[in-house]
Protein backbone atom coordinates (compact mmCIF):
# COMPACT_ATOMS: atom_id res chain seq x y z
CA UNK A 1 -0.08 0.14 -0.13
CA UNK A 2 1.40 3.51 -1.19
CA UNK A 3 0.26 6.44 0.75
CA UNK A 4 0.97 10.03 -0.19
CA UNK A 5 0.66 12.71 2.45
CA UNK A 6 0.16 16.18 0.98
CA UNK A 7 -0.21 19.59 2.67
CA UNK A 8 -2.77 22.21 0.96
CA UNK A 9 -2.57 25.73 1.45
CA UNK A 10 -6.04 27.33 0.82
CA UNK A 11 -5.54 30.19 -1.49
CA UNK A 12 -7.16 33.71 -1.45
CA UNK A 13 -8.08 36.50 -3.93
CA UNK A 14 -4.33 37.25 -3.85
CA UNK A 15 -2.56 33.94 -3.66
CA UNK A 16 -3.58 30.66 -5.46
CA UNK A 17 -4.12 27.56 -3.62
CA UNK A 18 -0.88 25.59 -3.28
CA UNK A 19 -0.17 21.61 -2.62
CA UNK A 20 3.17 20.37 -1.17
CA UNK A 21 4.10 16.95 -0.82
CA UNK A 22 4.96 16.02 2.90
CA UNK A 23 6.02 12.32 2.49
CA UNK A 24 5.59 9.09 0.51
CA UNK A 25 4.85 5.91 2.76
CA UNK A 26 4.88 2.20 1.55
CA UNK A 27 2.93 0.13 4.20
CA UNK A 28 2.33 -3.42 4.40
CA UNK A 29 -0.63 -4.99 5.75
CA UNK A 30 0.38 -8.67 6.62
CA UNK A 31 1.67 -8.25 10.11
CA UNK A 32 0.29 -6.63 13.15
CA UNK A 33 3.52 -4.31 13.56
CA UNK A 34 2.79 -2.93 10.04
CA UNK A 35 -0.55 -1.30 10.83
CA UNK A 36 -0.60 2.34 11.17
CA UNK A 37 2.33 4.87 11.70
CA UNK A 38 5.58 3.93 13.48
CA UNK A 39 7.08 6.42 15.75
CA UNK A 40 9.78 7.28 13.46
CA UNK A 41 7.43 7.76 10.47
CA UNK A 42 5.07 9.98 12.56
CA UNK A 43 8.28 11.93 13.57
CA UNK A 44 9.28 12.54 10.13
CA UNK A 45 5.81 13.77 8.85
CA UNK A 46 5.52 15.97 12.05
CA UNK A 47 8.95 17.29 11.19
CA UNK A 48 8.39 18.03 7.44
CA UNK A 49 4.78 19.32 8.11
CA UNK A 50 6.35 21.86 10.94
CA UNK A 51 8.89 23.09 8.69
CA UNK A 52 6.67 23.80 5.58
CA UNK A 53 4.06 25.42 7.86
CA UNK A 54 6.79 27.88 9.70
CA UNK A 55 8.29 28.50 6.39
CA UNK A 56 4.93 29.87 4.75
CA UNK A 57 3.97 31.76 8.17
CA UNK A 58 7.36 33.38 8.01
CA UNK A 59 7.35 34.35 4.45
CA UNK A 60 3.57 35.72 4.72
CA UNK A 61 4.64 37.66 7.91
CA UNK A 62 7.83 39.30 5.92
CA UNK A 63 5.85 40.04 2.62
CA UNK A 64 3.01 41.83 4.82
CA UNK A 65 5.64 43.94 6.67
CA UNK A 66 7.54 44.83 3.86
CA UNK A 67 5.85 48.00 2.66
CA UNK A 68 6.68 51.31 4.51
CA UNK A 69 4.47 52.36 7.18
CA UNK A 70 4.61 56.09 6.04
CA UNK A 71 3.90 55.94 2.29
CA UNK A 72 3.01 52.44 1.65
CA UNK A 73 5.59 51.66 -0.89
CA UNK A 74 6.97 48.19 -1.11
CA UNK A 75 11.00 48.29 0.17
CA UNK A 76 13.50 46.94 -1.93
CA UNK A 77 15.24 43.76 -0.97
CA UNK A 78 18.74 43.54 0.11
CA UNK A 79 19.63 40.15 0.99
CA UNK A 80 18.83 37.17 3.49
CA UNK A 81 20.23 36.27 6.88
CA UNK A 82 19.68 32.91 8.56
CA UNK A 83 17.26 32.10 11.63
CA UNK A 84 16.89 28.74 13.08
CA UNK A 85 13.58 28.28 15.05
CA UNK A 86 13.50 25.40 17.55
CA UNK A 87 10.36 23.80 17.87
CA UNK A 88 8.88 20.70 19.37
CA UNK A 89 8.86 18.88 16.07
CA UNK A 90 12.55 19.97 15.25
CA UNK A 91 14.73 23.04 14.23
CA UNK A 92 13.46 24.92 11.17
CA UNK A 93 16.10 26.66 9.50
CA UNK A 94 14.79 30.20 7.63
CA UNK A 95 15.82 32.59 5.28
CA UNK A 96 15.25 36.15 6.83
CA UNK A 97 14.81 38.77 4.24
CA UNK A 98 16.54 42.05 4.84
CA UNK A 99 14.92 45.22 3.05
CA UNK A 100 16.15 48.61 2.31
CA UNK A 101 14.37 51.35 4.51
CA UNK A 102 12.23 53.79 2.57
CA UNK A 103 13.53 57.08 1.74
CA UNK A 104 10.44 58.93 2.25
CA UNK A 105 11.56 59.60 5.97
CA UNK A 106 15.01 59.46 7.87
CA UNK A 107 15.73 56.44 9.94
CA UNK A 108 18.61 55.45 12.05
CA UNK A 109 19.36 52.53 9.91
CA UNK A 110 19.16 51.88 6.28
CA UNK A 111 17.90 48.36 6.46
CA UNK A 112 15.41 46.38 8.38
CA UNK A 113 14.47 42.70 8.81
CA UNK A 114 10.67 42.13 9.77
CA UNK A 115 11.39 38.70 11.00
CA UNK A 116 13.63 39.94 13.96
CA UNK A 117 10.54 41.46 15.64
CA UNK A 118 8.40 38.17 14.97
CA UNK A 119 11.14 35.70 16.15
CA UNK A 120 11.95 37.66 19.33
CA UNK A 121 12.98 34.34 20.59
CA UNK A 122 14.44 31.46 18.76
CA UNK A 123 12.81 28.70 20.80
CA UNK A 124 8.87 28.02 20.61
CA UNK A 125 7.21 28.51 23.96
CA UNK A 126 5.75 24.79 23.79
CA UNK A 127 9.19 23.52 23.44
CA UNK A 128 10.30 25.59 26.30
CA UNK A 129 7.38 24.53 28.39
CA UNK A 130 7.89 20.81 28.19
CA UNK A 131 11.68 21.19 28.64
CA UNK A 132 11.08 23.36 31.82
CA UNK A 133 8.34 21.02 33.04
CA UNK A 134 10.21 17.77 32.64
CA UNK A 135 13.41 19.15 33.59
CA UNK A 136 11.73 20.25 36.86
CA UNK A 137 10.56 16.56 37.62
CA UNK A 138 13.47 14.55 36.58
CA UNK A 139 17.17 14.99 35.77
CA UNK A 140 18.12 17.13 32.60
CA UNK A 141 19.67 14.14 30.82
CA UNK A 142 16.39 11.93 31.52
CA UNK A 143 14.22 15.14 30.25
CA UNK A 144 16.04 15.15 27.07
CA UNK A 145 15.93 11.30 26.58
CA UNK A 146 12.10 11.50 27.15
CA UNK A 147 11.58 14.27 24.73
CA UNK A 148 13.61 12.72 21.99
CA UNK A 149 11.88 9.47 22.41
CA UNK A 150 8.67 10.81 21.72
CA UNK A 151 8.87 13.89 19.37
CA UNK A 152 11.21 14.90 16.52
CA UNK A 153 13.34 16.95 18.73
CA UNK A 154 16.52 17.96 17.04
CA UNK A 155 19.62 15.70 17.92
CA UNK A 156 21.52 18.37 19.10
CA UNK A 157 19.46 18.92 21.97
CA UNK A 158 21.37 18.08 25.25
CA UNK A 159 21.15 18.47 28.83
CA UNK A 160 23.15 21.60 29.11
CA UNK A 161 20.50 23.51 26.75
CA UNK A 162 17.79 22.29 28.72
CA UNK A 163 19.19 23.27 31.79
CA UNK A 164 19.75 26.90 30.33
CA UNK A 165 16.58 26.95 29.17
CA UNK A 166 15.17 26.19 32.57
CA UNK A 167 17.36 28.75 34.25
CA UNK A 168 15.96 31.41 31.65
CA UNK A 169 12.38 30.67 32.43
CA UNK A 170 13.03 30.73 36.12
CA UNK A 171 14.84 34.28 35.77
CA UNK A 172 12.04 35.41 33.79
CA UNK A 173 9.71 34.65 36.59
CA UNK A 174 12.10 36.01 39.30
CA UNK A 175 11.97 39.30 37.45
CA UNK A 176 8.32 39.47 37.87
CA UNK A 177 8.67 39.06 41.51
CA UNK A 178 7.83 42.21 43.64
CA UNK A 179 10.15 43.93 45.85
CA UNK A 180 11.38 42.40 48.95
CA UNK A 181 9.73 44.05 52.37
CA UNK A 182 10.34 43.65 55.90
CA UNK A 183 6.79 44.49 56.70
CA UNK A 184 3.86 43.29 54.83
CA UNK A 185 0.70 43.96 57.12
CA UNK A 186 -1.25 46.48 55.27
CA UNK A 187 -3.97 49.03 56.64
CA UNK A 188 -5.17 49.43 60.24
CA UNK A 189 -7.63 47.23 62.46
CA UNK A 190 -10.46 49.64 61.37
CA UNK A 191 -9.79 48.57 57.71
CA UNK A 192 -9.52 44.94 58.53
CA UNK A 193 -13.00 44.81 60.37
CA UNK A 194 -14.66 45.87 57.04
CA UNK A 195 -13.29 43.01 55.14
CA UNK A 196 -15.35 39.91 54.40
CA UNK A 197 -15.16 36.84 56.48
CA UNK A 198 -12.30 34.61 55.32
CA UNK A 199 -12.64 31.09 54.22
CA UNK A 200 -10.89 29.80 57.06
CA UNK A 201 -7.31 29.47 58.88
CA UNK A 202 -4.12 28.59 56.86
CA UNK A 203 -1.44 26.72 58.32
CA UNK A 204 2.07 27.14 56.80
CA UNK A 205 5.03 24.72 57.75
CA UNK A 206 8.29 25.43 56.93
CA UNK A 207 11.40 23.11 57.24
CA UNK A 208 14.93 22.99 55.81
CA UNK A 209 17.07 20.31 53.94
CA UNK A 210 20.53 20.20 52.77
CA UNK A 211 22.07 19.53 49.17
CA UNK A 212 25.61 19.25 48.07
CA UNK A 213 27.32 22.35 47.27
CA UNK A 214 29.23 22.35 43.94
CA UNK A 215 31.45 25.24 44.88
CA UNK A 216 32.63 23.99 48.23
CA UNK A 217 33.09 20.19 47.38
CA UNK A 218 32.19 17.89 50.07
CA UNK A 219 29.97 20.50 51.93
CA UNK A 220 26.30 21.24 51.76
CA UNK A 221 24.01 24.27 51.89
CA UNK A 222 20.53 24.70 53.17
CA UNK A 223 17.29 24.83 51.24
CA UNK A 224 14.13 26.36 52.86
CA UNK A 225 10.97 24.38 51.75
CA UNK A 226 7.55 24.88 52.92
CA UNK A 227 3.88 24.10 52.52
CA UNK A 228 0.77 26.60 52.75
CA UNK A 229 -2.46 24.66 53.81
CA UNK A 230 -5.66 26.39 53.55
CA UNK A 231 -8.77 24.85 55.39
CA UNK A 232 -10.57 25.06 51.96
CA UNK A 233 -8.47 25.05 48.48
CA UNK A 234 -5.49 23.43 47.39
CA UNK A 235 -2.33 23.55 49.19
CA UNK A 236 1.07 25.13 47.70
CA UNK A 237 4.67 24.33 48.03
CA UNK A 238 7.31 27.19 48.13
CA UNK A 239 11.28 26.97 48.44
CA UNK A 240 14.29 28.70 48.06
CA UNK A 241 17.93 28.91 48.78
CA UNK A 242 19.08 31.84 51.03
CA UNK A 243 20.77 34.06 48.64
CA UNK A 244 20.74 37.86 48.09
CA UNK A 245 18.28 37.30 44.96
CA UNK A 246 16.04 35.08 46.72
CA UNK A 247 13.35 37.55 48.03
CA UNK A 248 12.05 34.87 50.72
CA UNK A 249 9.48 37.13 52.56
CA UNK A 250 8.02 38.36 49.23
CA UNK A 251 7.92 34.88 47.86
CA UNK A 252 6.00 33.42 51.11
CA UNK A 253 3.62 36.44 50.99
CA UNK A 254 2.68 35.97 47.36
CA UNK A 255 1.92 32.31 47.93
CA UNK A 256 -0.15 33.14 50.91
CA UNK A 257 -2.08 36.05 48.76
CA UNK A 258 -2.49 33.52 46.04
CA UNK A 259 -4.41 31.39 48.37
CA UNK A 260 -6.96 34.36 49.45
CA UNK A 261 -4.99 35.41 52.59
CA UNK A 262 -6.82 38.78 54.02
CA UNK A 263 -5.44 40.72 57.09
CA UNK A 264 -8.36 39.56 59.19
CA UNK A 265 -7.54 35.85 58.43
CA UNK A 266 -5.77 33.35 60.96
CA UNK A 267 -2.47 32.10 59.83
CA UNK A 268 -0.51 29.52 61.87
CA UNK A 269 3.31 29.09 61.19
CA UNK A 270 5.03 26.01 62.22
CA UNK A 271 8.72 25.80 61.91
CA UNK A 272 11.96 24.12 63.37
CA UNK A 273 13.04 27.36 65.07
CA UNK A 274 15.88 28.38 63.14
CA UNK A 275 16.68 31.99 62.99
CA UNK A 276 16.33 32.20 59.21
CA UNK A 277 13.00 30.65 59.35
CA UNK A 278 11.77 32.71 62.45
CA UNK A 279 12.70 36.01 60.49
CA UNK A 280 11.12 34.78 57.46
CA UNK A 281 7.40 34.32 58.92
CA UNK A 282 7.35 37.71 60.92
CA UNK A 283 4.85 40.52 59.76
CA UNK A 284 3.15 38.62 57.19
CA UNK A 285 -0.34 38.95 59.00
CA UNK A 286 -1.68 40.54 61.89
CA UNK A 287 -3.61 37.52 63.22
CA UNK A 288 -0.80 35.19 62.63
CA UNK A 289 0.57 32.81 65.38
CA UNK A 290 4.03 31.44 65.46
CA UNK A 291 4.77 28.01 67.07
CA UNK A 292 7.71 25.75 67.39
CA UNK A 293 6.58 22.43 65.94
CA UNK A 294 6.34 19.47 68.36
CA UNK A 295 8.06 17.19 65.85
CA UNK A 296 11.44 19.13 65.98
CA UNK A 297 11.10 19.26 69.87
CA UNK A 298 10.59 15.24 70.15
CA UNK A 299 13.48 14.77 67.80
CA UNK A 300 15.94 16.25 70.38
CA UNK A 301 14.32 14.36 73.21
CA UNK A 302 14.54 11.09 71.51
CA UNK A 303 18.28 11.55 71.07
CA UNK A 304 18.59 12.34 74.85
CA UNK A 305 16.62 9.09 75.53
CA UNK A 306 19.14 7.18 73.47
CA UNK A 307 22.06 8.26 75.37
CA UNK A 308 19.95 7.49 78.62
CA UNK A 309 19.58 3.76 77.43
CA UNK A 310 23.39 3.79 76.97
CA UNK A 311 23.78 5.18 80.39
CA UNK A 312 21.62 2.43 81.88
CA UNK A 313 24.05 -0.16 80.59
CA UNK A 314 26.86 1.24 82.65
CA UNK A 315 24.87 2.67 85.50
CA UNK A 316 21.32 1.53 86.16
CA UNK A 317 20.24 3.89 88.88
CA UNK A 318 21.80 6.90 86.89
CA UNK A 319 20.34 5.90 83.69
CA UNK A 320 16.84 5.32 85.17
CA UNK A 321 17.15 8.80 87.00
CA UNK A 322 17.95 10.66 83.48
CA UNK A 323 15.10 8.63 81.86
CA UNK A 324 12.79 10.02 84.48
CA UNK A 325 14.01 13.63 84.15
CA UNK A 326 13.55 13.37 80.38
CA UNK A 327 9.89 12.13 80.69
CA UNK A 328 9.08 15.14 83.05
CA UNK A 329 10.95 17.14 80.67
CA UNK A 330 8.81 16.21 77.77
CA UNK A 331 5.46 16.43 79.88
CA UNK A 332 6.28 20.00 80.61
CA UNK A 333 7.10 20.97 77.14
CA UNK A 334 3.91 19.14 76.01
CA UNK A 335 1.97 21.48 78.14
CA UNK A 336 3.94 24.43 77.34
CA UNK A 337 5.41 25.05 80.74
CA UNK A 338 8.81 26.64 79.36
CA UNK A 339 10.11 27.65 83.03
CA UNK A 340 9.81 24.07 84.53
CA UNK A 341 11.04 22.53 81.47
CA UNK A 342 14.28 24.63 81.82
CA UNK A 343 14.45 23.61 85.37
CA UNK A 344 14.46 19.96 84.21
CA UNK A 345 17.27 20.68 81.61
CA UNK A 346 19.13 22.02 84.59
CA UNK A 347 18.73 18.82 86.49
CA UNK A 348 19.97 16.76 83.46
CA UNK A 349 23.13 18.79 83.19
CA UNK A 350 23.71 17.62 86.90
CA UNK A 351 23.19 14.13 86.02
CA UNK A 352 25.43 14.43 83.19
CA UNK A 353 28.32 15.91 85.37
CA UNK A 354 27.79 12.94 88.07
CA UNK A 355 28.43 10.41 85.22
CA UNK A 356 32.17 11.60 84.93
CA UNK A 357 33.37 9.00 87.18
CA UNK A 358 31.38 6.35 85.26
CA UNK A 359 32.68 4.29 82.25
CA UNK A 360 30.25 5.57 79.84
CA UNK A 361 31.97 6.65 76.82
CA UNK A 362 29.71 9.34 75.36
CA UNK A 363 29.67 11.49 78.58
CA UNK A 364 30.76 14.63 76.35
CA UNK A 365 28.14 14.14 73.79
CA UNK A 366 25.44 13.77 76.35
CA UNK A 367 26.50 16.97 77.91
CA UNK A 368 26.73 18.65 74.30
CA UNK A 369 23.08 17.32 73.33
CA UNK A 370 21.81 18.74 76.92
CA UNK A 371 23.35 22.14 76.32
CA UNK A 372 22.00 22.32 72.78
CA UNK A 373 18.47 21.54 74.11
CA UNK A 374 18.62 24.26 76.58
CA UNK A 375 19.70 26.85 74.18
CA UNK A 376 16.96 25.65 71.67
CA UNK A 377 14.45 26.00 74.34
CA UNK A 378 15.48 29.39 75.62
CA UNK A 379 15.70 30.89 72.11
CA UNK A 380 12.27 29.48 71.25
CA UNK A 381 10.57 29.55 74.46
CA UNK A 382 8.15 32.34 73.05
CA UNK A 383 7.01 29.70 70.05
CA UNK A 384 6.26 26.89 72.56
CA UNK A 385 2.41 26.36 73.17
CA UNK A 386 0.41 24.17 75.17
CA UNK A 387 0.48 21.38 72.67
CA UNK A 388 -1.82 19.14 74.61
CA UNK A 389 -4.49 21.81 74.42
CA UNK A 390 -4.09 22.48 70.87
CA UNK A 391 -4.08 18.63 70.19
CA UNK A 392 -7.27 18.13 72.14
CA UNK A 393 -9.06 20.85 69.84
CA UNK A 394 -7.73 19.42 66.46
CA UNK A 395 -5.31 22.06 65.84
CA UNK A 396 -1.88 21.65 64.14
CA UNK A 397 1.04 21.04 66.50
CA UNK A 398 3.69 19.73 63.98
CA UNK A 399 5.12 20.06 60.56
CA UNK A 400 5.15 16.44 59.98
CA UNK A 401 3.24 17.19 56.89
CA UNK A 402 6.20 19.39 55.70
CA UNK A 403 8.31 16.24 55.68
CA UNK A 404 6.53 14.66 52.79
CA UNK A 405 6.91 18.38 51.01
CA UNK A 406 10.69 18.25 51.50
CA UNK A 407 10.75 14.74 49.99
CA UNK A 408 8.51 16.05 47.08
CA UNK A 409 10.36 19.15 46.31
CA UNK A 410 14.07 18.40 47.28
CA UNK A 411 14.79 14.83 47.65
CA UNK A 412 13.21 13.48 44.50
CA UNK A 413 15.08 15.76 42.42
CA UNK A 414 18.04 17.17 44.34
CA UNK A 415 19.13 14.09 46.53
CA UNK A 416 18.74 10.37 46.63
CA UNK A 417 19.37 8.95 43.07
CA UNK A 418 20.19 12.43 41.57
CA UNK A 419 23.63 12.64 43.51
CA UNK A 420 24.38 15.90 41.71
CA UNK A 421 26.33 19.16 43.28
CA UNK A 422 24.61 22.29 43.08
CA UNK A 423 25.60 25.97 42.94
CA UNK A 424 23.32 28.08 45.19
CA UNK A 425 21.80 30.24 42.37
CA UNK A 426 21.18 27.12 40.32
CA UNK A 427 19.21 25.17 42.79
CA UNK A 428 17.21 27.95 43.80
CA UNK A 429 16.00 28.67 40.16
CA UNK A 430 15.40 25.17 39.81
CA UNK A 431 13.28 25.12 42.92
CA UNK A 432 11.25 28.00 41.54
CA UNK A 433 10.26 26.14 38.42
CA UNK A 434 9.75 22.65 40.43
CA UNK A 435 7.24 24.24 42.84
CA UNK A 436 5.45 26.01 40.03
CA UNK A 437 5.10 22.70 38.18
CA UNK A 438 4.07 20.86 41.45
CA UNK A 439 1.48 23.61 42.10
CA UNK A 440 0.16 23.56 38.60
CA UNK A 441 0.97 27.15 37.93
CA UNK A 442 3.72 27.04 35.40
CA UNK A 443 0.94 26.96 32.49
CA UNK A 444 -0.63 30.12 33.76
CA UNK A 445 2.75 31.72 33.85
CA UNK A 446 3.61 31.02 30.08
CA UNK A 447 0.00 32.30 29.28
CA UNK A 448 0.81 35.74 30.98
CA UNK A 449 4.09 35.78 28.76
CA UNK A 450 2.52 34.36 25.70
CA UNK A 451 -1.11 35.29 25.52
CA UNK A 452 -1.97 32.74 22.90
CA UNK A 453 -0.26 29.69 24.51
CA UNK A 454 -2.67 26.90 24.88
CA UNK A 455 -0.63 23.88 26.01
CA UNK A 456 -2.43 21.98 28.78
CA UNK A 457 -1.13 19.13 30.83
CA UNK A 458 -2.92 16.34 33.10
CA UNK A 459 -1.11 18.00 36.05
CA UNK A 460 -2.43 21.51 35.15
CA UNK A 461 -6.13 20.16 34.57
CA UNK A 462 -5.74 18.43 38.05
CA UNK A 463 -4.51 21.72 39.82
CA UNK A 464 -7.09 23.64 38.06
């Protein structure tokens, strides 16, 4: 069976109808694998079709913009230059005609090329969108392999190009970010009373993770990751690396406002108590409360209990006393009694001092852990609520839900099997596109930049 595929350009009063042959196929019908188009055949057809259509569109655009804007006279042609337009269905090499400027008025340049205004970028938005989406979800090399497997992407596309395109998209997104501010509370209490009743409280969990530093080999730098969960509506991720260009407070405020935050709305911030996180969440909302999450408190107490079990093996009485003290300390912290909790920590220090004469080999580490806990509680005492009361009323007390966010935003892309080293700027920009993709917001950003952009992915439909 022979098949001929043709492209027909419908004519109008000025141009006749034109027919161009795309490809000629010879197909058998005796085996299952012969039925229909193969992947390679479809790639070739799409590539040829794309090239013919873009060439026609570019030629029509150049001809329509050849005439002088003032007198309407057609400008004389000078020559051609080359333009390479990268699309989902292969690269298209175009001849860009250059014309002499009309002499009816003075101009700075003697020649002009109409296609330079049409091809302001040499990568099609759809290709840029898919590259950014997949490179945000998987490694750059895997994204390239996936695109080449299913689309007639040009063979020269590589991981470095995809990375550069992703960083370009992220930098454009960063440029649209508002100015950083210390104080985001707007208006006065009288104005807040006039606002409509908010939909419900918003709970924001913030935590940190570490990725490998490319500039300081063997070292790591911190990545801040968070999740904002309104009572009604979809949750959203955010993340950044602490660097001068990050604008962390503006980023968090924009996430909250995109979820409908009002100045009369209750917002609960849960964090691990780090200095950078405490500063991040201040002055976002007049109704906000800032809490030290119970998860990180219990992590430190668990470490002390492990030391206590070691003490029991060499000194049963001393080990039992330390365990009882830790249990009392945990009870006081659970009920928000910081003063008594500090007293129990002091008792732990005395118990650790008494262990000097024993054979327990980790006395120094135990003392250090107790001192660190004391500093931790003293620095975050104002953030420790009555966890028991909040828990009985069904209110959030832990950022455990953020642990899954760290895994979704950081671990699956930056760590685990992706054992790459990152620059702080590169990691920060990748975080922005990754959170956009996970939140289902990347398509809307492309529609702001390219009004006729229509690509829609299953993740975007689900998020919408």
